[in-house]
C-alpha atoms as a PDB file:
ATOM      1  CA  MET A   1       0.000   0.000   0.000  1.00  0.00           C
ATOM      2  CA  ALA A   2       2.903   2.366   0.754  1.00  0.00           C
ATOM      3  CA  ASP A   3       4.254   1.786  -2.775  1.00  0.00           C
ATOM      4  CA  LEU A   4       0.913   2.826  -4.278  1.00  0.00           C
ATOM      5  CA  ASP A   5       0.811   6.005  -2.193  1.00  0.00           C
ATOM      6  CA  SER A   6       4.433   6.781  -3.101  1.00  0.00           C
ATOM      7  CA  GLY A   7       3.651   6.194  -6.782  1.00  0.00           C
ATOM      8  CA  ASN A   8       0.698   8.578  -6.661  1.00  0.00           C
ATOM      9  CA  LYS A   9       2.830  11.268  -5.006  1.00  0.00           C
ATOM     10  CA  THR A  10       5.473  10.825  -7.678  1.00  0.00           C
ATOM     11  CA  LYS A  11       2.849  11.017 -10.405  1.00  0.00           C
ATOM     12  CA  ASP A  12       1.393  14.201  -8.897  1.00  0.00           C
ATOM     13  CA  LEU A  13       4.861  15.737  -8.628  1.00  0.00           C
ATOM     14  CA  ILE A  14       5.649  14.914 -12.259  1.00  0.00           C
ATOM     15  CA  GLN A  15       2.350  16.420 -13.409  1.00  0.00           C
ATOM     16  CA  LYS A  16       3.073  19.593 -11.446  1.00  0.00           C
ATOM     17  CA  ILE A  17       6.561  19.845 -12.955  1.00  0.00           C
ATOM     18  CA  ARG A  18       5.132  19.354 -16.458  1.00  0.00           C
ATOM     19  CA  ALA A  19       2.567  22.095 -15.822  1.00  0.00           C
ATOM     20  CA  ASP A  20       5.285  24.404 -14.496  1.00  0.00           C
ATOM     21  CA  PHE A  21       7.410  23.779 -17.604  1.00  0.00           C
ATOM     22  CA  LYS A  22       4.431  24.435 -19.878  1.00  0.00           C
ATOM     23  CA  ASN A  23       3.664  27.703 -18.068  1.00  0.00           C
ATOM     24  CA  TYR A  24       7.315  28.748 -18.274  1.00  0.00           C
ATOM     25  CA  GLU A  25       7.426  27.881 -21.976  1.00  0.00           C
ATOM     26  CA  GLU A  26       4.297  29.963 -22.632  1.00  0.00           C
ATOM     27  CA  GLU A  27       5.739  32.851 -20.630  1.00  0.00           C
ATOM     28  CA  ILE A  28       8.970  32.760 -22.643  1.00  0.00           C
ATOM     29  CA  PHE A  29       6.976  32.688 -25.897  1.00  0.00           C
ATOM     30  CA  ALA A  30       4.883  35.679 -24.764  1.00  0.00           C
ATOM     31  CA  ASP A  31       8.069  37.593 -23.897  1.00  0.00           C
ATOM     32  CA  TRP A  32       9.596  36.685 -27.287  1.00  0.00           C
ATOM     33  CA  ASN A  33       6.433  37.783 -29.078  1.00  0.00           C
ATOM     34  CA  GLN A  34       6.432  41.090 -27.180  1.00  0.00           C
ATOM     35  CA  TRP A  35      10.102  41.644 -28.016  1.00  0.00           C
ATOM     36  CA  ILE A  36       9.492  40.953 -31.702  1.00  0.00           C
ATOM     37  CA  SER A  37       6.552  43.363 -31.792  1.00  0.00           C
ATOM     38  CA  ASN A  38       8.604  46.175 -30.223  1.00  0.00           C
ATOM     39  CA  GLU A  39      11.920  45.633 -32.032  1.00  0.00           C
ATOM     40  CA  PRO A  40      12.485  48.375 -34.636  1.00  0.00           C
ATOM     41  CA  ASP A  41      15.016  46.295 -36.595  1.00  0.00           C
ATOM     42  CA  PHE A  42      12.215  43.923 -37.594  1.00  0.00           C
ATOM     43  CA  ASP A  43      10.291  46.693 -39.281  1.00  0.00           C
ATOM     44  CA  LEU A  44      10.956  45.988 -42.935  1.00  0.00           C
ATOM     45  CA  LYS A  45      10.660  49.176 -44.904  1.00  0.00           C
ATOM     46  CA  LEU A  46       9.426  48.020 -48.272  1.00  0.00           C
ATOM     47  CA  GLY A  47       9.972  51.377 -49.960  1.00  0.00           C
ATOM     48  CA  GLU A  48      13.675  51.423 -49.110  1.00  0.00           C
ATOM     49  CA  GLN A  49      16.415  49.918 -51.205  1.00  0.00           C
ATOM     50  CA  LEU A  50      18.397  46.952 -49.969  1.00  0.00           C
ATOM     51  CA  LEU A  51      21.610  48.694 -51.005  1.00  0.00           C
ATOM     52  CA  HIS A  52      22.543  52.233 -50.078  1.00  0.00           C
ATOM     53  CA  PHE A  53      25.595  54.151 -51.249  1.00  0.00           C
ATOM     54  CA  GLU A  54      27.166  55.962 -48.320  1.00  0.00           C
ATOM     55  CA  GLU A  55      28.693  59.077 -49.865  1.00  0.00           C
ATOM     56  CA  SER A  56      30.829  59.964 -46.855  1.00  0.00           C
ATOM     57  CA  THR A  57      32.666  56.611 -46.913  1.00  0.00           C
ATOM     58  CA  GLY A  58      32.226  55.734 -50.582  1.00  0.00           C
ATOM     59  CA  ARG A  59      30.943  52.289 -49.644  1.00  0.00           C
ATOM     60  CA  LEU A  60      27.795  50.366 -50.313  1.00  0.00           C
ATOM     61  CA  GLN A  61      25.751  49.423 -47.267  1.00  0.00           C
ATOM     62  CA  LEU A  62      23.330  46.553 -47.086  1.00  0.00           C
ATOM     63  CA  ARG A  63      20.050  47.438 -45.371  1.00  0.00           C
ATOM     64  CA  TYR A  64      19.019  44.005 -44.208  1.00  0.00           C
ATOM     65  CA  SER A  65      19.234  43.357 -40.511  1.00  0.00           C
ATOM     66  CA  ASP A  66      20.812  40.159 -39.205  1.00  0.00           C
ATOM     67  CA  LYS A  67      17.989  40.187 -36.670  1.00  0.00           C
ATOM     68  CA  ILE A  68      15.577  39.359 -39.500  1.00  0.00           C
ATOM     69  CA  VAL A  69      17.540  36.141 -40.075  1.00  0.00           C
ATOM     70  CA  LEU A  70      17.220  35.376 -36.364  1.00  0.00           C
ATOM     71  CA  LEU A  71      13.480  36.052 -36.557  1.00  0.00           C
ATOM     72  CA  ILE A  72      13.078  33.679 -39.503  1.00  0.00           C
ATOM     73  CA  ARG A  73      14.978  30.897 -37.733  1.00  0.00           C
ATOM     74  CA  ASP A  74      13.153  31.385 -34.423  1.00  0.00           C
ATOM     75  CA  SER A  75       9.769  31.453 -36.101  1.00  0.00           C
ATOM     76  CA  LYS A  76      10.418  28.202 -37.968  1.00  0.00           C
ATOM     77  CA  LEU A  77      11.397  26.494 -34.739  1.00  0.00           C
ATOM     78  CA  LEU A  78       8.433  27.906 -32.828  1.00  0.00           C
ATOM     79  CA  GLY A  79       6.073  26.902 -35.631  1.00  0.00           C
ATOM     80  CA  GLU A  80       7.388  23.341 -35.461  1.00  0.00           C
ATOM     81  CA  MET A  81       6.742  23.403 -31.723  1.00  0.00           C
ATOM     82  CA  GLY A  82       3.092  24.276 -32.421  1.00  0.00           C
ATOM     83  CA  TYR A  83       3.092  27.944 -31.466  1.00  0.00           C
ATOM     84  CA  LYS A  84       0.834  30.329 -33.329  1.00  0.00           C
ATOM     85  CA  LEU A  85       2.551  33.550 -34.394  1.00  0.00           C
ATOM     86  CA  ASP A  86       0.848  36.932 -34.675  1.00  0.00           C
ATOM     87  CA  ALA A  87      -0.339  37.909 -38.141  1.00  0.00           C
ATOM     88  CA  GLU A  88       1.986  40.929 -38.172  1.00  0.00           C
ATOM     89  CA  VAL A  89       4.992  38.793 -37.242  1.00  0.00           C
ATOM     90  CA  THR A  90       4.023  36.223 -39.871  1.00  0.00           C
ATOM     91  CA  LYS A  91       3.812  38.950 -42.516  1.00  0.00           C
ATOM     92  CA  THR A  92       7.249  40.280 -41.538  1.00  0.00           C
ATOM     93  CA  ILE A  93       8.671  36.749 -41.757  1.00  0.00           C
ATOM     94  CA  GLU A  94       7.184  36.203 -45.216  1.00  0.00           C
ATOM     95  CA  ILE A  95       8.584  39.477 -46.531  1.00  0.00           C
ATOM     96  CA  GLY A  96      11.939  38.912 -44.827  1.00  0.00           C
ATOM     97  CA  THR A  97      12.183  35.422 -46.331  1.00  0.00           C
ATOM     98  CA  LYS A  98      11.523  36.792 -49.839  1.00  0.00           C
ATOM     99  CA  PHE A  99      14.312  39.341 -49.483  1.00  0.00           C
ATOM    100  CA  TYR A 100      16.716  37.013 -47.666  1.00  0.00           C
ATOM    101  CA  LYS A 101      18.156  35.262 -50.715  1.00  0.00           C
ATOM    102  CA  TYR A 102      18.796  38.622 -52.378  1.00  0.00           C
ATOM    103  CA  ALA A 103      20.331  40.035 -49.218  1.00  0.00           C
ATOM    104  CA  VAL A 104      22.749  37.098 -48.943  1.00  0.00           C
ATOM    105  CA  SER A 105      23.888  37.579 -52.544  1.00  0.00           C
ATOM    106  CA  LEU A 106      24.230  41.315 -52.106  1.00  0.00           C
ATOM    107  CA  ARG A 107      26.139  40.929 -48.841  1.00  0.00           C
ATOM    108  CA  GLN A 108      28.726  38.794 -50.660  1.00  0.00           C
ATOM    109  CA  ILE A 109      29.117  41.520 -53.287  1.00  0.00           C
ATOM    110  CA  VAL A 110      29.294  44.389 -50.792  1.00  0.00           C
ATOM    111  CA  GLU A 111      31.797  42.735 -48.494  1.00  0.00           C
END
C-alpha cells in the first residue's frame, strides 16, 4: 500500500513539474512575441532599397538586418513546436524570407 501512495505522489509531482514547464514555456513565448513586436530592426521598410551608397565613406551598405535572419529561424522552430505567431509577425517573416536570398547575394558583393 505504501508503494501505491508513493507512486501517486510521484505522479502528482511529475504532473506539477510538467505544468510548471508548460507555463514557463508559454511565458517565454509571450516575452519573445512582445520583443518581436517592439523591435524596430524587424520593421521591414518596403519602400527602401536593400543597397545604399554611403557618400561619406564611398561604400555600399546593405540594409538588411541580421535580426531578420534570427526572426526567420526562431519562427520556424516555434512553428514546429506548435506555437501560433501573430499575423503581423508572420507577414514580416514572409517578406523577410523573400528578401533574404537577395540580401545574402548582395552581402557577398558588398563585403
